[in-house]
PDB file of N, CA and C in Angstrom:
ATOM      1  N   MET A   1     -16.304  47.108 -38.711  1.00  0.00           N
ATOM      2  CA  MET A   1     -15.081  48.311 -40.101  1.00  0.00           C
ATOM      3  C   MET A   1     -13.735  48.204 -39.408  1.00  0.00           C
ATOM      4  N   ALA A   2     -13.111  48.476 -40.744  1.00  0.00           N
ATOM      5  CA  ALA A   2     -11.792  48.387 -39.970  1.00  0.00           C
ATOM      6  C   ALA A   2     -11.437  48.895 -39.807  1.00  0.00           C
ATOM      7  N   ARG A   3      -9.429  49.675 -39.377  1.00  0.00           N
ATOM      8  CA  ARG A   3      -9.227  50.299 -39.007  1.00  0.00           C
ATOM      9  C   ARG A   3      -7.630  50.454 -39.215  1.00  0.00           C
ATOM     10  N   VAL A   4      -7.401  51.589 -39.762  1.00  0.00           N
ATOM     11  CA  VAL A   4      -6.032  51.915 -40.173  1.00  0.00           C
ATOM     12  C   VAL A   4      -5.211  53.203 -39.246  1.00  0.00           C
ATOM     13  N   ARG A   5      -3.855  53.191 -39.452  1.00  0.00           N
ATOM     14  CA  ARG A   5      -3.259  54.163 -38.770  1.00  0.00           C
ATOM     15  C   ARG A   5      -2.807  55.047 -39.438  1.00  0.00           C
ATOM     16  N   TYR A   6      -2.904  56.694 -39.800  1.00  0.00           N
ATOM     17  CA  TYR A   6      -2.500  57.191 -40.278  1.00  0.00           C
ATOM     18  C   TYR A   6      -0.516  57.570 -40.035  1.00  0.00           C
ATOM     19  N   ILE A   7       0.581  56.850 -41.100  1.00  0.00           N
ATOM     20  CA  ILE A   7       1.620  57.156 -40.883  1.00  0.00           C
ATOM     21  C   ILE A   7       2.658  58.150 -41.659  1.00  0.00           C
ATOM     22  N   GLY A   8       1.671  59.461 -42.910  1.00  0.00           N
ATOM     23  CA  GLY A   8       2.419  60.667 -43.479  1.00  0.00           C
ATOM     24  C   GLY A   8       2.768  61.203 -42.337  1.00  0.00           C
ATOM     25  N   ALA A   9       3.364  62.441 -42.599  1.00  0.00           N
ATOM     26  CA  ALA A   9       3.675  63.559 -40.951  1.00  0.00           C
ATOM     27  C   ALA A   9       3.475  64.819 -41.661  1.00  0.00           C
ATOM     28  N   GLU A  10       2.312  65.165 -42.822  1.00  0.00           N
ATOM     29  CA  GLU A  10       0.854  66.163 -42.450  1.00  0.00           C
ATOM     30  C   GLU A  10       0.464  65.217 -42.083  1.00  0.00           C
ATOM     31  N   PRO A  11      -0.668  66.733 -41.426  1.00  0.00           N
ATOM     32  CA  PRO A  11      -2.355  66.202 -41.604  1.00  0.00           C
ATOM     33  C   PRO A  11      -2.895  66.314 -42.676  1.00  0.00           C
ATOM     34  N   VAL A  12      -3.841  65.891 -43.352  1.00  0.00           N
ATOM     35  CA  VAL A  12      -4.912  65.322 -44.508  1.00  0.00           C
ATOM     36  C   VAL A  12      -5.992  65.330 -44.410  1.00  0.00           C
ATOM     37  N   THR A  13      -7.228  65.640 -45.166  1.00  0.00           N
ATOM     38  CA  THR A  13      -8.082  66.227 -44.878  1.00  0.00           C
ATOM     39  C   THR A  13      -8.450  64.462 -45.940  1.00  0.00           C
ATOM     40  N   VAL A  14      -8.724  63.852 -45.625  1.00  0.00           N
ATOM     41  CA  VAL A  14      -9.964  62.433 -46.093  1.00  0.00           C
ATOM     42  C   VAL A  14     -11.476  62.807 -46.402  1.00  0.00           C
ATOM     43  N   PRO A  15     -11.591  63.197 -48.075  1.00  0.00           N
ATOM     44  CA  PRO A  15     -13.027  63.173 -48.550  1.00  0.00           C
ATOM     45  C   PRO A  15     -14.142  61.575 -47.669  1.00  0.00           C
ATOM     46  N   GLU A  16     -13.633  60.401 -48.086  1.00  0.00           N
ATOM     47  CA  GLU A  16     -14.103  59.498 -48.166  1.00  0.00           C
ATOM     48  C   GLU A  16     -15.064  59.416 -46.303  1.00  0.00           C
ATOM     49  N   LEU A  17     -14.286  59.914 -45.805  1.00  0.00           N
ATOM     50  CA  LEU A  17     -14.591  60.419 -44.196  1.00  0.00           C
ATOM     51  C   LEU A  17     -15.199  61.235 -44.204  1.00  0.00           C
ATOM     52  N   GLY A  18     -15.878  61.697 -45.038  1.00  0.00           N
ATOM     53  CA  GLY A  18     -16.664  62.909 -44.836  1.00  0.00           C
ATOM     54  C   GLY A  18     -16.196  64.489 -44.287  1.00  0.00           C
ATOM     55  N   ASP A  19     -14.808  64.207 -45.313  1.00  0.00           N
ATOM     56  CA  ASP A  19     -14.094  65.346 -45.255  1.00  0.00           C
ATOM     57  C   ASP A  19     -12.575  65.693 -44.208  1.00  0.00           C
ATOM     58  N   ARG A  20     -12.949  64.891 -43.407  1.00  0.00           N
ATOM     59  CA  ARG A  20     -12.681  64.764 -42.267  1.00  0.00           C
ATOM     60  C   ARG A  20     -11.255  64.777 -42.338  1.00  0.00           C
ATOM     61  N   THR A  21     -10.414  65.794 -40.932  1.00  0.00           N
ATOM     62  CA  THR A  21      -9.110  65.767 -40.901  1.00  0.00           C
ATOM     63  C   THR A  21      -8.673  64.671 -40.079  1.00  0.00           C
ATOM     64  N   ILE A  22      -7.651  64.417 -40.905  1.00  0.00           N
ATOM     65  CA  ILE A  22      -7.008  63.071 -40.112  1.00  0.00           C
ATOM     66  C   ILE A  22      -4.928  63.361 -39.410  1.00  0.00           C
ATOM     67  N   HIS A  23      -5.037  63.193 -39.075  1.00  0.00           N
ATOM     68  CA  HIS A  23      -3.777  63.393 -38.149  1.00  0.00           C
ATOM     69  C   HIS A  23      -2.568  62.574 -37.917  1.00  0.00           C
ATOM     70  N   PRO A  24      -1.599  62.930 -38.237  1.00  0.00           N
ATOM     71  CA  PRO A  24      -0.082  61.470 -37.898  1.00  0.00           C
ATOM     72  C   PRO A  24      -0.894  61.140 -36.465  1.00  0.00           C
ATOM     73  N   ASP A  25      -0.504  59.609 -37.002  1.00  0.00           N
ATOM     74  CA  ASP A  25      -0.073  58.448 -35.967  1.00  0.00           C
ATOM     75  C   ASP A  25      -2.319  58.071 -35.440  1.00  0.00           C
ATOM     76  N   GLU A  26      -2.919  59.310 -36.296  1.00  0.00           N
ATOM     77  CA  GLU A  26      -4.080  58.870 -35.870  1.00  0.00           C
ATOM     78  C   GLU A  26      -5.211  57.687 -36.632  1.00  0.00           C
ATOM     79  N   VAL A  27      -5.454  56.565 -35.588  1.00  0.00           N
ATOM     80  CA  VAL A  27      -6.158  55.431 -36.242  1.00  0.00           C
ATOM     81  C   VAL A  27      -7.969  55.743 -36.676  1.00  0.00           C
ATOM     82  N   VAL A  28      -8.323  55.273 -37.322  1.00  0.00           N
ATOM     83  CA  VAL A  28      -9.594  55.821 -37.924  1.00  0.00           C
ATOM     84  C   VAL A  28     -10.206  54.448 -38.329  1.00  0.00           C
ATOM     85  N   GLU A  29     -11.621  54.545 -38.232  1.00  0.00           N
ATOM     86  CA  GLU A  29     -12.348  53.314 -39.099  1.00  0.00           C
ATOM     87  C   GLU A  29     -12.395  53.398 -40.683  1.00  0.00           C
ATOM     88  N   VAL A  30     -12.367  52.777 -41.568  1.00  0.00           N
ATOM     89  CA  VAL A  30     -12.576  52.526 -42.427  1.00  0.00           C
ATOM     90  C   VAL A  30     -13.178  51.617 -43.320  1.00  0.00           C
ATOM     91  N   PRO A  31     -14.536  51.790 -44.018  1.00  0.00           N
ATOM     92  CA  PRO A  31     -15.159  51.050 -44.529  1.00  0.00           C
ATOM     93  C   PRO A  31     -14.536  49.199 -44.828  1.00  0.00           C
ATOM     94  N   ASP A  32     -15.443  48.155 -44.044  1.00  0.00           N
ATOM     95  CA  ASP A  32     -14.761  46.909 -45.072  1.00  0.00           C
ATOM     96  C   ASP A  32     -13.905  46.919 -46.024  1.00  0.00           C
ATOM     97  N   ALA A  33     -15.186  47.245 -47.071  1.00  0.00           N
ATOM     98  CA  ALA A  33     -14.521  47.232 -48.705  1.00  0.00           C
ATOM     99  C   ALA A  33     -13.355  48.184 -49.163  1.00  0.00           C
ATOM    100  N   ARG A  34     -13.559  49.124 -48.303  1.00  0.00           N
ATOM    101  CA  ARG A  34     -11.827  50.233 -48.842  1.00  0.00           C
ATOM    102  C   ARG A  34     -10.709  49.646 -47.866  1.00  0.00           C
ATOM    103  N   PHE A  35     -10.592  48.852 -46.931  1.00  0.00           N
ATOM    104  CA  PHE A  35      -9.579  48.174 -46.080  1.00  0.00           C
ATOM    105  C   PHE A  35      -8.149  48.006 -47.432  1.00  0.00           C
ATOM    106  N   GLU A  36      -8.139  48.011 -48.117  1.00  0.00           N
ATOM    107  CA  GLU A  36      -6.944  47.940 -48.900  1.00  0.00           C
ATOM    108  C   GLU A  36      -7.450  49.019 -50.250  1.00  0.00           C
ATOM    109  N   GLY A  37      -7.839  50.047 -50.300  1.00  0.00           N
ATOM    110  CA  GLY A  37      -7.552  51.038 -50.467  1.00  0.00           C
ATOM    111  C   GLY A  37      -6.610  51.782 -50.470  1.00  0.00           C
ATOM    112  N   TYR A  38      -6.548  52.161 -48.437  1.00  0.00           N
ATOM    113  CA  TYR A  38      -5.568  52.678 -47.667  1.00  0.00           C
ATOM    114  C   TYR A  38      -4.274  51.436 -47.332  1.00  0.00           C
ATOM    115  N   VAL A  39      -4.290  50.715 -47.608  1.00  0.00           N
ATOM    116  CA  VAL A  39      -3.056  49.704 -47.199  1.00  0.00           C
ATOM    117  C   VAL A  39      -2.770  49.815 -48.138  1.00  0.00           C
ATOM    118  N   CYS A  40      -3.209  49.369 -49.466  1.00  0.00           N
ATOM    119  CA  CYS A  40      -1.524  49.742 -50.569  1.00  0.00           C
ATOM    120  C   CYS A  40      -1.313  50.303 -50.919  1.00  0.00           C
ATOM    121  N   GLN A  41      -1.708  51.837 -49.574  1.00  0.00           N
ATOM    122  CA  GLN A  41      -0.283  53.334 -49.731  1.00  0.00           C
ATOM    123  C   GLN A  41       0.272  52.856 -48.668  1.00  0.00           C
ATOM    124  N   PRO A  42       1.654  52.294 -48.015  1.00  0.00           N
ATOM    125  CA  PRO A  42       2.096  51.185 -47.207  1.00  0.00           C
ATOM    126  C   PRO A  42       2.881  52.654 -46.830  1.00  0.00           C
ATOM    127  N   HIS A  43       3.383  53.744 -47.565  1.00  0.00           N
ATOM    128  CA  HIS A  43       3.790  54.981 -46.959  1.00  0.00           C
ATOM    129  C   HIS A  43       3.576  56.055 -46.107  1.00  0.00           C
ATOM    130  N   THR A  44       1.632  55.898 -46.799  1.00  0.00           N
ATOM    131  CA  THR A  44       0.638  56.984 -45.527  1.00  0.00           C
ATOM    132  C   THR A  44      -0.371  56.144 -44.969  1.00  0.00           C
ATOM    133  N   TRP A  45      -0.774  55.087 -44.887  1.00  0.00           N
ATOM    134  CA  TRP A  45      -1.640  53.898 -44.040  1.00  0.00           C
ATOM    135  C   TRP A  45      -0.928  53.000 -43.615  1.00  0.00           C
ATOM    136  N   GLU A  46      -1.437  52.351 -42.483  1.00  0.00           N
ATOM    137  CA  GLU A  46      -0.513  50.942 -42.006  1.00  0.00           C
ATOM    138  C   GLU A  46      -1.974  50.073 -41.152  1.00  0.00           C
ATOM    139  N   ALA A  47      -2.234  48.896 -41.628  1.00  0.00           N
ATOM    140  CA  ALA A  47      -3.522  48.345 -41.611  1.00  0.00           C
ATOM    141  C   ALA A  47      -3.319  48.199 -39.368  1.00  0.00           C
ATOM    142  N   VAL A  48      -4.168  48.137 -38.609  1.00  0.00           N
ATOM    143  CA  VAL A  48      -4.731  47.921 -37.316  1.00  0.00           C
ATOM    144  C   VAL A  48      -5.046  46.536 -36.900  1.00  0.00           C
ATOM    145  N   GLU A  49      -6.837  46.943 -37.777  1.00  0.00           N
ATOM    146  CA  GLU A  49      -7.306  45.744 -37.915  1.00  0.00           C
ATOM    147  C   GLU A  49      -8.104  45.475 -39.226  1.00  0.00           C
ATOM    148  N   GLU A  50      -7.997  44.448 -39.835  1.00  0.00           N
ATOM    149  CA  GLU A  50      -8.473  43.752 -40.829  1.00  0.00           C
ATOM    150  C   GLU A  50      -9.989  44.255 -41.001  1.00  0.00           C
ATOM    151  N   PRO A  51     -10.717  43.871 -41.391  1.00  0.00           N
ATOM    152  CA  PRO A  51     -11.403  43.588 -41.629  1.00  0.00           C
ATOM    153  C   PRO A  51     -12.093  41.800 -41.812  1.00  0.00           C
ATOM    154  N   ARG A  52     -13.068  41.905 -40.648  1.00  0.00           N
ATOM    155  CA  ARG A  52     -13.234  40.710 -40.771  1.00  0.00           C
ATOM    156  C   ARG A  52     -14.775  40.368 -41.488  1.00  0.00           C
ATOM    157  N   ALA A  53     -13.908  39.026 -41.862  1.00  0.00           N
ATOM    158  CA  ALA A  53     -14.263  37.861 -42.550  1.00  0.00           C
ATOM    159  C   ALA A  53     -15.897  38.262 -42.553  1.00  0.00           C
ATOM    160  N   GLU A  54     -16.426  37.760 -43.837  1.00  0.00           N
ATOM    161  CA  GLU A  54     -18.363  37.404 -43.367  1.00  0.00           C
ATOM    162  C   GLU A  54     -18.786  36.331 -42.635  1.00  0.00           C
ATOM    163  N   ASP A  55     -18.290  35.233 -43.037  1.00  0.00           N
ATOM    164  CA  ASP A  55     -18.498  34.289 -41.744  1.00  0.00           C
ATOM    165  C   ASP A  55     -17.877  34.526 -40.545  1.00  0.00           C
ATOM    166  N   GLU A  56     -17.680  35.230 -39.749  1.00  0.00           N
ATOM    167  CA  GLU A  56     -16.849  35.555 -38.897  1.00  0.00           C
ATOM    168  C   GLU A  56     -18.138  36.220 -37.837  1.00  0.00           C
ATOM    169  N   PRO A  57     -18.356  35.675 -36.909  1.00  0.00           N
ATOM    170  CA  PRO A  57     -19.332  36.076 -36.043  1.00  0.00           C
ATOM    171  C   PRO A  57     -19.512  37.947 -35.027  1.00  0.00           C
ATOM    172  N   LYS A  58     -20.057  38.502 -35.050  1.00  0.00           N
ATOM    173  CA  LYS A  58     -20.029  39.552 -34.217  1.00  0.00           C
ATOM    174  C   LYS A  58     -19.621  38.641 -32.624  1.00  0.00           C
ATOM    175  N   ALA A  59     -19.188  39.911 -32.515  1.00  0.00           N
ATOM    176  CA  ALA A  59     -19.028  39.786 -30.782  1.00  0.00           C
ATOM    177  C   ALA A  59     -20.139  39.522 -30.037  1.00  0.00           C
ATOM    178  N   LEU A  60     -20.518  39.320 -29.409  1.00  0.00           N
ATOM    179  CA  LEU A  60     -21.182  39.375 -28.255  1.00  0.00           C
ATOM    180  C   LEU A  60     -21.028  39.904 -27.160  1.00  0.00           C
ATOM    181  N   PRO A  61     -22.193  40.633 -26.585  1.00  0.00           N
ATOM    182  CA  PRO A  61     -22.154  41.395 -25.189  1.00  0.00           C
ATOM    183  C   PRO A  61     -21.862  41.424 -24.017  1.00  0.00           C
ATOM    184  N   ILE A  62     -21.341  42.001 -23.358  1.00  0.00           N
ATOM    185  CA  ILE A  62     -20.368  41.415 -22.302  1.00  0.00           C
ATOM    186  C   ILE A  62     -21.078  40.097 -21.107  1.00  0.00           C
ATOM    187  N   GLN A  63     -22.772  40.574 -21.435  1.00  0.00           N
ATOM    188  CA  GLN A  63     -22.997  39.584 -20.354  1.00  0.00           C
ATOM    189  C   GLN A  63     -23.593  38.763 -21.066  1.00  0.00           C
ATOM    190  N   ALA A  64     -23.430  38.662 -22.618  1.00  0.00           N
ATOM    191  CA  ALA A  64     -23.868  37.336 -23.347  1.00  0.00           C
ATOM    192  C   ALA A  64     -22.849  36.317 -22.724  1.00  0.00           C
ATOM    193  N   ALA A  65     -21.252  37.469 -22.865  1.00  0.00           N
ATOM    194  CA  ALA A  65     -20.470  36.754 -22.700  1.00  0.00           C
ATOM    195  C   ALA A  65     -19.505  35.556 -21.636  1.00  0.00           C
ATOM    196  N   LEU A  66     -20.387  36.032 -20.444  1.00  0.00           N
ATOM    197  CA  LEU A  66     -20.287  35.567 -19.388  1.00  0.00           C
ATOM    198  C   LEU A  66     -21.070  34.313 -19.062  1.00  0.00           C
ATOM    199  N   LYS A  67     -19.933  33.024 -18.722  1.00  0.00           N
ATOM    200  CA  LYS A  67     -20.704  32.628 -18.311  1.00  0.00           C
ATOM    201  C   LYS A  67     -21.488  31.801 -17.021  1.00  0.00           C
ATOM    202  N   LYS A  68     -22.283  31.852 -16.929  1.00  0.00           N
ATOM    203  CA  LYS A  68     -22.751  31.616 -15.307  1.00  0.00           C
ATOM    204  C   LYS A  68     -23.200  30.267 -15.017  1.00  0.00           C
ATOM    205  N   SER A  69     -22.704  30.070 -13.689  1.00  0.00           N
ATOM    206  CA  SER A  69     -22.968  28.466 -12.600  1.00  0.00           C
ATOM    207  C   SER A  69     -23.896  27.681 -12.790  1.00  0.00           C
ATOM    208  N   ALA A  70     -23.949  26.546 -13.132  1.00  0.00           N
ATOM    209  CA  ALA A  70     -25.490  26.293 -13.207  1.00  0.00           C
ATOM    210  C   ALA A  70     -25.543  25.117 -11.737  1.00  0.00           C
ATOM    211  N   ALA A  71     -24.746  25.199 -10.614  1.00  0.00           N
ATOM    212  CA  ALA A  71     -24.897  24.759  -9.598  1.00  0.00           C
ATOM    213  C   ALA A  71     -25.652  25.706  -8.618  1.00  0.00           C
ATOM    214  N   ARG A  72     -26.377  24.697  -8.049  1.00  0.00           N
ATOM    215  CA  ARG A  72     -27.288  25.760  -6.981  1.00  0.00           C
ATOM    216  C   ARG A  72     -26.510  25.846  -5.367  1.00  0.00           C
ATOM    217  N   PRO A  73     -26.754  27.204  -5.213  1.00  0.00           N
ATOM    218  CA  PRO A  73     -25.656  28.172  -4.220  1.00  0.00           C
ATOM    219  C   PRO A  73     -26.175  27.303  -3.021  1.00  0.00           C
ATOM    220  N   GLN A  74     -24.777  27.208  -2.323  1.00  0.00           N
ATOM    221  CA  GLN A  74     -24.784  26.564  -1.178  1.00  0.00           C
ATOM    222  C   GLN A  74     -25.389  26.898  -0.142  1.00  0.00           C
ATOM    223  N   ARG A  75     -26.055  26.561   1.094  1.00  0.00           N
ATOM    224  CA  ARG A  75     -26.667  27.187   2.320  1.00  0.00           C
ATOM    225  C   ARG A  75     -25.771  26.598   3.258  1.00  0.00           C
ATOM    226  N   GLU A  76     -26.071  27.756   4.336  1.00  0.00           N
ATOM    227  CA  GLU A  76     -25.248  28.190   5.037  1.00  0.00           C
ATOM    228  C   GLU A  76     -26.817  27.104   6.121  1.00  0.00           C
ATOM    229  N   SER A  77     -25.676  26.221   7.154  1.00  0.00           N
ATOM    230  CA  SER A  77     -26.270  25.804   8.235  1.00  0.00           C
ATOM    231  C   SER A  77     -26.319  26.628   9.830  1.00  0.00           C
TER     232      SER A  77
END
């Protein structure tokens, strides 16, 4: 999901987001396919996080991202 910030002056209700009330300076997640529909209104919304490209891999969980040493543990003499 992409993220946008509402920069309008008054709270608004956004039907596409489940009739959720969005307040000024609030960041919300929007469907990737609808991102352009928000950022094409530059006086109301600004991009925070653009949609991920289709061929871009998803982020790995933290445990998978950490590399482990292949070296054997040192023994104390």
